[in-house]
N, C-alpha and C. Protein backbone atom coordinates (compact mmCIF):
# COMPACT_ATOMS: atom_id res chain seq x y z
N UNK A 1 0.51 -1.44 -0.10
CA UNK A 1 -0.15 -0.06 0.17
C UNK A 1 0.99 0.99 0.07
N UNK A 2 0.36 2.28 -0.92
CA UNK A 2 1.49 3.49 -0.87
C UNK A 2 1.26 4.35 0.22
N UNK A 3 1.97 4.92 1.19
CA UNK A 3 2.07 5.99 2.11
C UNK A 3 2.31 7.19 1.73
N UNK A 4 1.87 8.35 2.18
CA UNK A 4 1.83 9.30 1.53
C UNK A 4 1.65 10.46 3.11
N UNK A 5 2.56 11.13 2.83
CA UNK A 5 2.18 12.57 4.31
C UNK A 5 1.09 13.20 3.76
N UNK A 6 0.51 13.55 4.79
CA UNK A 6 -0.83 14.88 5.14
C UNK A 6 -0.30 16.01 3.37
N UNK A 7 -0.81 16.48 2.96
CA UNK A 7 -0.35 17.34 1.93
C UNK A 7 -1.07 18.93 2.07
N UNK A 8 -0.36 20.19 1.36
CA UNK A 8 -1.11 21.29 1.69
C UNK A 8 -1.32 21.29 0.28
N UNK A 9 -2.16 22.84 -0.32
CA UNK A 9 -2.61 22.81 -1.84
C UNK A 9 -1.68 24.39 -1.73
N UNK A 10 -1.32 24.60 -2.09
CA UNK A 10 -0.35 26.10 -2.81
C UNK A 10 -0.63 25.99 -3.89
N UNK A 11 -1.25 27.64 -3.97
CA UNK A 11 -1.67 28.13 -4.79
C UNK A 11 -0.23 29.32 -4.63
N UNK A 12 0.24 29.53 -6.31
CA UNK A 12 1.06 30.34 -6.61
C UNK A 12 0.90 30.57 -8.28
N UNK A 13 1.33 31.99 -7.92
CA UNK A 13 1.08 33.05 -9.37
C UNK A 13 1.88 33.67 -10.28
N UNK A 14 1.90 33.64 -11.39
CA UNK A 14 3.24 34.43 -11.87
C UNK A 14 2.93 34.61 -13.21
N UNK A 15 3.69 35.27 -13.92
CA UNK A 15 3.02 35.91 -15.38
C UNK A 15 4.09 35.18 -16.49
N UNK A 16 3.63 34.71 -17.64
CA UNK A 16 3.70 33.87 -18.37
C UNK A 16 4.47 35.00 -19.33
N UNK A 17 5.37 34.01 -20.98
CA UNK A 17 5.97 35.00 -21.38
C UNK A 17 5.53 36.15 -21.90
N UNK A 18 4.10 35.97 -22.18
CA UNK A 18 3.59 37.42 -22.83
C UNK A 18 2.82 37.90 -21.97
N UNK A 19 3.57 37.96 -20.36
CA UNK A 19 2.64 39.05 -19.70
C UNK A 19 1.54 38.42 -18.87
N UNK A 20 0.83 37.53 -19.13
CA UNK A 20 -0.52 36.49 -18.81
C UNK A 20 -0.48 36.10 -17.62
N UNK A 21 -0.99 36.83 -16.37
CA UNK A 21 -1.20 36.09 -14.83
C UNK A 21 -1.32 34.69 -15.55
N UNK A 22 -0.79 34.10 -14.45
CA UNK A 22 -1.78 32.14 -14.48
C UNK A 22 -1.45 32.26 -13.46
N UNK A 23 -1.95 31.38 -12.76
CA UNK A 23 -1.43 30.67 -11.64
C UNK A 23 -1.31 28.84 -11.58
N UNK A 24 -0.92 28.18 -10.39
CA UNK A 24 -1.11 26.87 -10.59
C UNK A 24 -0.97 26.24 -8.68
N UNK A 25 -1.63 25.45 -8.84
CA UNK A 25 -1.85 24.59 -7.78
C UNK A 25 -0.62 23.62 -7.13
N UNK A 26 -0.25 23.57 -6.17
CA UNK A 26 0.75 22.64 -5.91
C UNK A 26 0.60 21.84 -4.55
N UNK A 27 0.93 20.45 -4.49
CA UNK A 27 0.31 19.89 -3.44
C UNK A 27 1.68 19.97 -2.84
N UNK A 28 1.83 19.75 -1.21
CA UNK A 28 3.39 20.21 -0.77
C UNK A 28 3.17 19.67 0.29
N UNK A 29 3.94 19.00 1.01
CA UNK A 29 3.97 18.32 2.42
C UNK A 29 4.76 19.27 2.90
N UNK A 30 4.77 20.01 4.06
CA UNK A 30 5.16 20.59 5.24
C UNK A 30 6.05 19.61 5.89
N UNK A 31 7.05 20.24 5.96
CA UNK A 31 8.53 19.60 7.22
C UNK A 31 7.38 19.06 8.29
N UNK A 32 6.81 20.09 8.84
CA UNK A 32 5.99 19.34 10.19
C UNK A 32 5.41 17.88 10.35
N UNK A 33 4.92 17.62 9.19
CA UNK A 33 4.14 16.71 8.52
C UNK A 33 4.75 15.46 8.63
N UNK A 34 5.53 16.16 7.26
CA UNK A 34 6.72 14.96 6.99
C UNK A 34 7.61 14.46 7.98
N UNK A 35 7.89 15.61 9.40
CA UNK A 35 8.60 15.18 10.58
C UNK A 35 7.52 14.75 11.53
N UNK A 36 6.39 14.35 11.47
CA UNK A 36 5.45 13.65 11.97
C UNK A 36 5.40 12.33 11.61
N UNK A 37 5.42 12.02 10.40
CA UNK A 37 5.30 10.74 10.08
C UNK A 37 6.74 10.18 10.05
N UNK A 38 7.66 10.70 10.08
CA UNK A 38 9.15 9.62 10.52
C UNK A 38 9.36 9.85 11.76
N UNK A 39 8.67 10.51 12.37
CA UNK A 39 9.15 10.22 13.89
C UNK A 39 7.62 8.80 14.41
N UNK A 40 7.30 8.85 13.46
CA UNK A 40 6.15 7.54 13.46
C UNK A 40 7.17 6.35 13.41
N UNK A 41 7.30 6.20 11.97
CA UNK A 41 8.45 5.41 11.79
C UNK A 41 9.56 5.02 12.12
N UNK A 42 10.27 6.22 13.11
CA UNK A 42 11.60 6.15 13.88
C UNK A 42 11.33 6.63 15.10
N UNK A 43 10.14 6.01 16.05
CA UNK A 43 10.53 6.90 17.47
C UNK A 43 12.01 6.99 18.31
N UNK A 44 12.86 6.55 17.94
CA UNK A 44 14.02 6.71 18.82
C UNK A 44 15.29 7.14 17.66
N UNK A 45 14.69 8.31 17.10
CA UNK A 45 15.84 9.03 16.12
C UNK A 45 15.94 10.29 16.73
N UNK A 46 17.22 11.09 16.07
CA UNK A 46 17.40 12.45 16.71
C UNK A 46 17.74 12.82 15.59
N UNK A 47 17.07 14.09 15.48
CA UNK A 47 17.77 15.26 14.57
C UNK A 47 18.75 16.14 15.42
N UNK A 48 19.30 16.88 15.04
CA UNK A 48 20.33 18.04 15.41
C UNK A 48 20.50 19.13 14.19
N UNK A 49 20.57 20.27 14.41
CA UNK A 49 21.09 21.60 13.63
C UNK A 49 21.87 22.41 13.97
N UNK A 50 23.21 22.15 12.78
CA UNK A 50 24.23 23.18 13.23
C UNK A 50 24.33 24.37 12.04
N UNK A 51 24.89 25.55 12.54
CA UNK A 51 25.14 26.54 11.98
C UNK A 51 26.31 27.21 12.00
N UNK A 52 27.00 27.89 10.56
CA UNK A 52 28.23 28.85 10.98
C UNK A 52 28.11 29.62 9.83
N UNK A 53 28.80 30.69 9.87
CA UNK A 53 29.16 31.28 8.90
C UNK A 53 30.21 31.65 7.71
N UNK A 54 30.10 31.66 6.95
CA UNK A 54 30.46 31.20 5.66
C UNK A 54 31.54 32.38 5.09
N UNK A 55 32.50 32.32 4.20
CA UNK A 55 33.41 33.58 4.33
C UNK A 55 32.96 34.76 3.76
N UNK A 56 32.28 34.37 2.94
CA UNK A 56 31.47 35.26 2.25
C UNK A 56 30.42 36.24 2.96
N UNK A 57 30.06 35.52 4.03
CA UNK A 57 29.43 36.65 5.11
C UNK A 57 27.52 36.02 5.10
N UNK A 58 27.60 35.06 4.31
CA UNK A 58 26.14 34.58 4.14
C UNK A 58 26.42 32.98 5.46
N UNK A 59 25.57 32.64 6.30
CA UNK A 59 25.21 31.27 6.94
C UNK A 59 24.95 30.21 6.14
N UNK A 60 25.63 29.32 6.67
CA UNK A 60 25.05 28.01 6.43
C UNK A 60 24.22 26.61 8.00
N UNK A 61 23.68 27.15 7.09
CA UNK A 61 22.57 25.76 8.05
C UNK A 61 22.60 24.35 7.62
N UNK A 62 22.83 23.66 8.85
CA UNK A 62 22.65 21.91 8.42
C UNK A 62 22.00 21.29 9.24
N UNK A 63 21.61 20.19 8.62
CA UNK A 63 20.55 19.38 9.51
C UNK A 63 21.09 17.95 9.47
N UNK A 64 21.01 17.39 10.56
CA UNK A 64 22.02 15.98 10.58
C UNK A 64 20.53 15.32 11.16
N UNK A 65 20.18 13.72 10.48
CA UNK A 65 19.30 13.08 10.86
C UNK A 65 19.76 11.36 11.03
N UNK A 66 19.43 11.37 12.40
CA UNK A 66 19.69 9.20 12.61
C UNK A 66 18.24 8.90 12.91
N UNK A 67 18.12 8.11 12.17
CA UNK A 67 16.76 7.02 12.31
C UNK A 67 17.07 6.12 13.61
N UNK A 68 18.37 6.12 14.22
CA UNK A 68 18.61 5.62 15.16
C UNK A 68 19.28 6.27 16.19
N UNK A 69 19.34 7.08 17.16
CA UNK A 69 20.50 7.83 17.84
C UNK A 69 21.08 7.13 18.73
N UNK A 70 21.02 5.93 18.86
CA UNK A 70 21.94 4.75 19.33
C UNK A 70 23.45 4.81 19.13
N UNK A 71 23.44 4.59 17.79
CA UNK A 71 24.78 4.76 17.09
C UNK A 71 25.66 6.06 17.57
N UNK A 72 24.68 7.38 17.23
CA UNK A 72 25.57 8.59 17.50
C UNK A 72 26.05 8.86 19.05
N UNK A 73 25.27 7.93 20.17
CA UNK A 73 25.73 8.09 21.22
C UNK A 73 26.65 7.13 21.56
N UNK A 74 26.85 6.43 21.36
CA UNK A 74 27.85 5.23 21.52
C UNK A 74 28.77 5.35 20.54
N UNK A 75 28.84 6.21 19.42
CA UNK A 75 30.15 7.10 18.83
C UNK A 75 30.59 8.07 19.77
N UNK A 76 29.99 9.04 21.05
CA UNK A 76 30.33 9.84 21.91
C UNK A 76 31.39 8.73 23.19
N UNK A 77 30.13 7.85 23.15
CA UNK A 77 31.09 7.56 25.05
C UNK A 77 32.37 6.84 24.37
N UNK A 78 32.42 6.50 22.76
CA UNK A 78 34.21 5.51 22.68
C UNK A 78 34.99 6.28 22.80
N UNK A 79 34.39 8.12 22.76
CA UNK A 79 35.54 9.15 22.60
C UNK A 79 35.81 9.66 21.10
N UNK A 80 34.95 9.57 20.00
CA UNK A 80 35.03 10.27 19.13
C UNK A 80 34.33 11.81 19.07
N UNK A 81 34.80 12.49 18.55
CA UNK A 81 34.58 14.06 19.04
C UNK A 81 32.94 14.24 18.48
N UNK A 82 32.09 15.37 18.63
CA UNK A 82 30.60 15.97 18.30
C UNK A 82 30.56 15.80 16.75
N UNK A 83 31.78 16.83 16.93
CA UNK A 83 32.24 16.83 15.32
C UNK A 83 32.18 15.90 14.34
N UNK A 84 32.95 14.70 14.58
CA UNK A 84 33.40 13.59 13.65
C UNK A 84 32.34 12.66 14.24
N UNK A 85 31.63 12.73 15.10
CA UNK A 85 29.82 12.04 15.52
C UNK A 85 28.90 12.63 14.26
N UNK A 86 29.27 13.29 13.60
CA UNK A 86 27.67 14.13 13.21
C UNK A 86 28.13 13.13 11.78
N UNK A 87 29.03 12.75 11.01
CA UNK A 87 29.20 12.19 10.00
C UNK A 87 28.66 11.05 9.93
N UNK A 88 28.31 9.96 11.38
CA UNK A 88 28.10 9.06 11.46
C UNK A 88 26.57 9.20 10.91
N UNK A 89 25.40 10.45 10.69
CA UNK A 89 24.28 10.65 10.53
C UNK A 89 24.03 9.50 9.27
N UNK A 90 22.03 9.56 9.25
CA UNK A 90 21.76 8.79 7.93
C UNK A 90 21.63 9.18 6.83
N UNK A 91 21.04 11.01 7.53
CA UNK A 91 20.68 11.79 5.97
C UNK A 91 21.37 12.91 6.81
N UNK A 92 21.91 14.06 5.81
CA UNK A 92 21.88 15.57 6.07
C UNK A 92 21.46 16.78 5.02
N UNK A 93 21.00 17.47 5.47
CA UNK A 93 20.35 18.56 4.27
C UNK A 93 20.80 20.08 4.94
N UNK A 94 21.03 20.79 3.66
CA UNK A 94 21.72 22.09 4.29
C UNK A 94 21.03 23.24 3.56
N UNK A 95 21.15 24.83 3.56
CA UNK A 95 20.88 25.47 3.11
C UNK A 95 21.87 26.67 3.03
N UNK A 96 22.02 28.04 2.37
CA UNK A 96 22.68 28.76 2.46
C UNK A 96 21.78 30.06 2.32
N UNK A 97 21.97 30.80 3.34
CA UNK A 97 20.89 31.91 3.17
C UNK A 97 21.75 33.28 3.65
N UNK A 98 21.34 34.46 2.64
CA UNK A 98 21.86 35.52 3.22
C UNK A 98 21.87 36.18 4.50
N UNK A 99 22.09 37.34 5.42
CA UNK A 99 22.57 37.71 6.41
C UNK A 99 21.18 38.32 7.02
N UNK A 100 20.64 38.87 5.26
CA UNK A 100 19.81 39.89 5.96
C UNK A 100 18.15 38.81 6.17
N UNK A 101 18.40 37.64 5.91
CA UNK A 101 17.44 36.43 5.83
C UNK A 101 17.21 36.92 7.25
N UNK A 102 17.85 35.91 8.09
CA UNK A 102 18.06 36.03 9.25
C UNK A 102 17.47 37.00 10.08
N UNK A 103 17.43 38.28 10.00
CA UNK A 103 16.64 39.91 10.37
C UNK A 103 15.54 39.51 9.84
N UNK A 104 14.84 38.50 9.51
CA UNK A 104 12.85 39.01 9.44
C UNK A 104 12.73 37.58 10.40
N UNK A 105 11.17 38.08 10.95
CA UNK A 105 10.95 37.28 11.72
C UNK A 105 10.63 35.74 11.58
N UNK A 106 11.25 35.21 12.77
CA UNK A 106 11.83 33.54 13.04
C UNK A 106 12.91 33.42 11.35
N UNK A 107 13.84 34.24 11.25
CA UNK A 107 14.84 34.03 10.16
C UNK A 107 15.56 32.70 10.77
N UNK A 108 16.15 32.33 11.69
CA UNK A 108 16.93 31.08 11.43
C UNK A 108 15.87 30.14 11.93
N UNK A 109 14.49 30.15 12.44
CA UNK A 109 14.01 28.71 12.19
C UNK A 109 13.48 28.36 10.86
N UNK A 110 13.12 29.53 10.12
CA UNK A 110 13.10 28.49 8.60
C UNK A 110 13.90 28.32 7.94
N UNK A 111 15.43 29.00 8.08
CA UNK A 111 16.66 28.26 7.84
C UNK A 111 16.58 27.00 7.83
N UNK A 112 16.58 26.93 8.97
CA UNK A 112 16.67 25.16 10.15
C UNK A 112 15.49 24.29 9.21
N UNK A 113 14.17 25.19 9.39
CA UNK A 113 13.26 24.24 8.71
C UNK A 113 13.39 23.80 7.48
N UNK A 114 14.06 24.26 6.36
CA UNK A 114 14.71 23.88 5.16
C UNK A 114 15.69 22.81 5.47
N UNK A 115 16.99 23.24 5.85
CA UNK A 115 17.65 22.01 6.06
C UNK A 115 17.13 20.69 6.64
N UNK A 116 16.22 20.73 7.64
CA UNK A 116 15.51 19.71 7.76
C UNK A 116 14.71 18.91 6.92
N UNK A 117 13.63 19.52 6.47
CA UNK A 117 12.96 19.25 5.23
C UNK A 117 14.24 18.33 4.07
N UNK A 118 15.01 19.44 3.45
CA UNK A 118 16.11 18.75 2.71
C UNK A 118 16.59 17.06 3.54
N UNK A 119 16.90 17.11 4.07
CA UNK A 119 17.04 15.93 5.30
C UNK A 119 16.41 15.08 5.09
N UNK A 120 15.21 15.16 5.41
CA UNK A 120 13.78 14.64 5.49
C UNK A 120 13.92 13.56 3.87
N UNK A 121 14.08 14.28 2.95
CA UNK A 121 13.73 14.21 1.51
C UNK A 121 14.70 13.00 0.91
N UNK A 122 16.11 12.86 1.50
CA UNK A 122 17.05 12.48 1.31
C UNK A 122 16.55 11.21 2.06
N UNK A 123 15.90 10.78 2.92
CA UNK A 123 15.50 9.37 3.38
C UNK A 123 14.17 8.87 3.06
N UNK A 124 13.46 9.99 1.94
CA UNK A 124 12.23 9.02 1.51
C UNK A 124 11.22 9.82 1.68
N UNK A 125 11.13 10.94 2.52
CA UNK A 125 10.08 11.54 3.15
C UNK A 125 10.10 12.88 1.82
N UNK A 126 9.54 13.07 1.02
CA UNK A 126 9.23 14.07 0.08
C UNK A 126 8.74 15.29 0.27
N UNK A 127 8.84 16.29 -0.79
CA UNK A 127 8.16 17.31 -0.40
C UNK A 127 6.64 17.59 -0.94
N UNK A 128 6.45 16.31 -2.06
CA UNK A 128 5.29 15.82 -2.55
C UNK A 128 4.48 15.20 -1.53
N UNK A 129 5.09 14.85 -0.37
CA UNK A 129 4.03 14.17 0.21
C UNK A 129 4.13 13.10 0.12
N UNK A 130 4.84 12.31 -0.92
CA UNK A 130 5.49 10.65 -0.53
C UNK A 130 6.35 10.13 0.02
N UNK A 131 6.00 9.17 0.22
CA UNK A 131 7.27 8.32 1.19
C UNK A 131 7.65 7.21 0.63
N UNK A 132 8.98 7.27 -0.05
CA UNK A 132 9.55 5.93 -0.61
C UNK A 132 9.55 4.68 0.17
N UNK A 133 9.15 3.33 -0.78
CA UNK A 133 8.94 2.36 0.05
C UNK A 133 10.00 1.75 0.72
N UNK A 134 10.14 0.94 1.36
CA UNK A 134 11.13 0.19 2.07
C UNK A 134 12.25 -0.46 1.05
N UNK A 135 11.80 -0.94 -0.28
CA UNK A 135 12.41 -1.24 -0.92
C UNK A 135 13.23 -0.45 -1.90
N UNK A 136 12.82 0.69 -1.84
CA UNK A 136 13.66 1.88 -2.65
C UNK A 136 14.27 2.27 -1.84
N UNK A 137 14.05 2.40 -0.58
CA UNK A 137 15.29 2.56 0.08
C UNK A 137 16.21 1.66 0.69
N UNK A 138 16.28 0.72 0.41
CA UNK A 138 17.27 -0.03 0.58
C UNK A 138 17.94 -0.45 -0.13
N UNK A 139 17.59 -0.26 -1.34
CA UNK A 139 18.57 0.00 -2.90
C UNK A 139 19.54 1.41 -2.67
N UNK A 140 18.28 2.72 -2.20
CA UNK A 140 19.31 3.56 -2.04
C UNK A 140 20.40 3.86 -1.18
N UNK A 141 19.94 2.74 0.29
CA UNK A 141 21.48 2.60 1.11
C UNK A 141 22.52 1.76 0.92
N UNK A 142 22.15 1.12 -0.36
CA UNK A 142 22.88 0.04 -0.70
C UNK A 142 23.76 1.11 -1.42
N UNK A 143 23.63 1.70 -2.51
CA UNK A 143 23.91 2.68 -3.28
C UNK A 143 25.03 3.22 -2.36
N UNK A 144 24.39 4.44 -1.28
CA UNK A 144 25.51 4.98 -0.73
C UNK A 144 26.95 4.00 -0.08
N UNK A 145 26.50 2.86 0.59
CA UNK A 145 27.25 2.21 1.06
C UNK A 145 28.08 1.60 0.08
N UNK A 146 27.75 1.41 -1.42
CA UNK A 146 28.92 0.95 -2.33
C UNK A 146 29.67 2.80 -2.74
N UNK A 147 29.32 3.85 -2.48
CA UNK A 147 30.13 4.77 -3.09
C UNK A 147 30.70 5.26 -1.68
N UNK A 148 30.60 4.90 -0.70
CA UNK A 148 31.39 4.90 0.67
C UNK A 148 32.41 4.08 0.48
N UNK A 149 32.43 2.99 0.08
CA UNK A 149 33.72 1.71 0.02
C UNK A 149 34.48 2.15 -1.16
N UNK A 150 33.98 3.06 -2.09
CA UNK A 150 34.63 3.17 -3.52
C UNK A 150 35.31 4.50 -2.81
N UNK A 151 34.87 5.15 -2.24
CA UNK A 151 36.09 6.35 -1.51
C UNK A 151 36.71 5.82 -0.70
N UNK A 152 36.39 4.90 0.22
CA UNK A 152 37.16 4.59 1.01
C UNK A 152 38.91 3.81 0.43
N UNK A 153 37.90 3.36 -0.61
CA UNK A 153 39.56 2.33 -1.34
C UNK A 153 40.52 3.58 -1.88
N UNK A 154 39.23 4.32 -2.57
CA UNK A 154 40.38 5.58 -3.09
C UNK A 154 41.03 6.51 -2.09
N UNK A 155 41.19 6.89 -1.11
CA UNK A 155 41.52 7.16 -0.40
C UNK A 155 42.56 6.45 0.10
N UNK A 156 42.62 5.10 0.48
CA UNK A 156 44.04 4.28 1.00
C UNK A 156 44.81 4.26 -0.06
N UNK A 157 44.78 4.30 -0.85
CA UNK A 157 45.40 4.29 -2.36
C UNK A 157 46.31 5.54 -2.35
N UNK A 158 45.59 6.54 -1.91
CA UNK A 158 46.31 7.88 -2.20
C UNK A 158 47.34 8.18 -1.36
N UNK A 159 46.80 7.42 0.03
CA UNK A 159 47.79 7.45 1.32
C UNK A 159 49.20 6.88 0.71
N UNK A 160 48.81 5.54 0.18
CA UNK A 160 49.99 4.66 -0.19
C UNK A 160 50.92 5.35 -0.96
N UNK A 161 50.16 6.21 -1.99
CA UNK A 161 51.24 6.61 -2.93
C UNK A 161 51.75 7.58 -2.58
N UNK A 162 51.83 8.57 -1.52
CA UNK A 162 52.50 9.63 -1.02
C UNK A 162 54.17 9.23 -1.15
N UNK A 163 54.18 10.04 -1.50
CA UNK A 163 55.98 10.04 -1.65
C UNK A 163 57.00 10.51 -0.53
N UNK A 164 56.06 11.52 0.36
CA UNK A 164 56.90 12.30 1.49
C UNK A 164 55.98 12.06 2.42
N UNK A 165 56.28 12.64 4.02
CA UNK A 165 55.36 12.89 5.14
C UNK A 165 54.96 14.32 4.64
N UNK A 166 55.36 14.92 4.30
CA UNK A 166 54.30 16.09 3.78
C UNK A 166 53.18 15.98 2.99
N UNK A 167 53.76 15.07 1.72
CA UNK A 167 52.49 15.06 0.97
C UNK A 167 51.72 14.11 1.42
N UNK A 168 51.81 12.77 2.43
CA UNK A 168 51.12 12.29 2.90
C UNK A 168 49.70 13.46 3.95
N UNK A 169 50.65 14.10 4.64
CA UNK A 169 49.93 15.04 5.43
C UNK A 169 48.64 15.96 4.44
N UNK A 170 49.42 16.39 3.12
CA UNK A 170 48.47 17.12 2.88
C UNK A 170 47.40 16.49 1.64
N UNK A 171 47.39 15.13 1.30
CA UNK A 171 46.40 13.89 0.92
C UNK A 171 45.30 14.25 2.58
N UNK A 172 45.78 13.33 3.44
CA UNK A 172 45.20 13.51 4.45
C UNK A 172 44.18 14.50 5.18
N UNK A 173 44.61 15.53 4.93
CA UNK A 173 43.74 16.95 4.84
C UNK A 173 43.14 17.07 3.84
N UNK A 174 43.15 16.63 2.84
CA UNK A 174 42.38 16.95 1.46
C UNK A 174 40.68 15.83 1.80
N UNK A 175 41.06 14.82 2.66
CA UNK A 175 39.61 14.23 3.18
C UNK A 175 38.59 14.79 3.82
N UNK A 176 37.51 14.42 3.53
CA UNK A 176 36.72 14.71 4.19
C UNK A 176 36.55 13.74 5.78
N UNK A 177 36.00 14.75 6.94
CA UNK A 177 35.56 14.00 8.22
C UNK A 177 35.56 12.98 8.36
N UNK A 178 34.60 12.32 7.58
CA UNK A 178 33.88 11.12 7.54
C UNK A 178 35.11 10.47 7.24
N UNK A 179 35.89 10.46 6.20
CA UNK A 179 36.62 9.19 5.91
C UNK A 179 38.06 9.54 6.94
N UNK A 180 38.49 10.72 7.21
CA UNK A 180 39.38 10.65 8.59
C UNK A 180 38.86 10.07 9.45
N UNK A 181 37.58 9.76 10.49
CA UNK A 181 36.95 9.34 11.40
C UNK A 181 36.89 7.55 10.75
N UNK A 182 37.03 7.59 9.63
CA UNK A 182 37.59 5.69 9.24
C UNK A 182 38.63 5.14 9.57
N UNK A 183 38.45 4.01 10.60
CA UNK A 183 39.68 3.71 11.40
C UNK A 183 40.74 2.62 10.47
N UNK A 184 40.02 2.57 9.19
CA UNK A 184 40.67 1.28 8.59
C UNK A 184 41.67 2.49 7.99
N UNK A 185 40.96 3.59 7.40
CA UNK A 185 41.73 4.71 6.50
C UNK A 185 43.13 5.20 7.55
N UNK A 186 42.60 5.46 8.81
CA UNK A 186 43.49 6.21 9.53
C UNK A 186 44.73 5.11 9.56
N UNK A 187 44.50 3.79 10.10
CA UNK A 187 45.75 2.66 9.63
C UNK A 187 46.26 3.08 9.05
N UNK A 188 45.70 3.02 7.55
CA UNK A 188 46.68 2.46 6.66
C UNK A 188 47.91 4.42 6.39
N UNK A 189 46.76 4.96 7.50
CA UNK A 189 47.74 6.51 7.43
C UNK A 189 49.03 6.74 8.15
N UNK A 190 48.84 5.99 9.13
CA UNK A 190 50.10 5.67 10.32
C UNK A 190 51.11 4.70 9.70
N UNK A 191 50.52 3.55 9.12
CA UNK A 191 51.00 2.78 8.24
C UNK A 191 52.60 3.55 7.56
N UNK A 192 51.45 4.25 6.85
CA UNK A 192 52.30 5.05 5.51
C UNK A 192 53.21 5.76 5.99
N UNK A 193 53.31 6.72 6.89
CA UNK A 193 53.74 7.89 7.94
C UNK A 193 55.22 7.36 8.36
N UNK A 194 54.59 5.63 8.94
CA UNK A 194 55.71 5.64 9.41
C UNK A 194 56.85 5.02 9.18
N UNK A 195 56.23 4.50 7.54
CA UNK A 195 57.08 4.10 6.95
C UNK A 195 57.81 5.19 5.83
N UNK A 196 57.74 6.22 5.81
CA UNK A 196 58.06 7.60 5.21
C UNK A 196 59.17 8.19 6.28
N UNK A 197 58.92 7.96 7.35
CA UNK A 197 59.69 8.26 8.47
C UNK A 197 60.71 7.47 8.67
N UNK A 198 60.92 6.06 8.22
CA UNK A 198 61.91 5.40 8.04
C UNK A 198 62.52 4.78 6.64
N UNK A 199 62.35 5.95 6.02
CA UNK A 199 63.07 6.25 4.67
C UNK A 199 63.98 6.70 4.97
N UNK A 200 65.17 6.59 4.61
CA UNK A 200 66.53 7.86 4.78
C UNK A 200 66.20 8.83 3.21
N UNK A 201 66.33 9.81 3.65
CA UNK A 201 66.68 11.33 2.98
C UNK A 201 67.41 11.29 1.58
N UNK A 202 67.28 11.09 0.54
CA UNK A 202 67.55 11.01 -0.60
C UNK A 202 68.95 12.01 -0.42
N UNK A 203 70.60 11.80 -0.67
CA UNK A 203 71.70 12.58 0.12
C UNK A 203 71.92 13.60 -1.78
N UNK A 204 72.20 14.79 -0.78
CA UNK A 204 72.18 15.95 -1.89
C UNK A 204 73.49 15.72 -2.71
N UNK A 205 73.42 16.15 -3.77
CA UNK A 205 74.54 16.11 -4.54
C UNK A 205 75.41 17.14 -4.63
N UNK A 206 76.90 16.62 -4.11
CA UNK A 206 78.04 17.83 -3.80
C UNK A 206 77.92 18.92 -5.08
N UNK A 207 77.88 19.48 -4.79
CA UNK A 207 78.45 20.72 -5.95
C UNK A 207 80.03 21.43 -6.12
N UNK A 208 80.45 21.13 -7.16
CA UNK A 208 82.14 21.38 -7.30
C UNK A 208 82.10 22.98 -6.99
N UNK A 209 83.32 23.21 -6.20
CA UNK A 209 83.73 24.55 -6.11
C UNK A 209 84.62 24.88 -7.35
């Protein structure tokens, strides 16, 4: 049976290329309604929001969603930093906003809501009100796992190919927090570093006087 979130009809008015006024009605599922269904499906879920100012003065809002908060809590207990633990989220959504938008009433709340809505969409709770089937989400999760495995393999190859400690450091710092938090990749980095530190420095050629 197809499942859907409650939708609200929104009428949008616009002008066509001839300047004629037209309108269109859209079935839109509000974030609050999509969130309600998500909570019902995943009662032990967790949602957190973060924001920071970008170099150009805009504000970036990010929403992180876990279907089960147990993994996030266990990571914190094991000593993983809160920042790195965010990478374990099942989904994340972001939005960039001009500083002027935040000066309006409930400016921050509106941007946070947009970020949450985008994260929910990635979990199959779309703005159209449609909810992805278990089979569709299983395929999507497998796709994400395959992409993560490819990224991890590529990261390990890049670390092994480093010719010096400085090059290794540059490669490592170029990884995402998620890759740096991967214990297998961190092990390869440490092994590569130990190997490079033991490697004798090339002899400098003596210049004839």
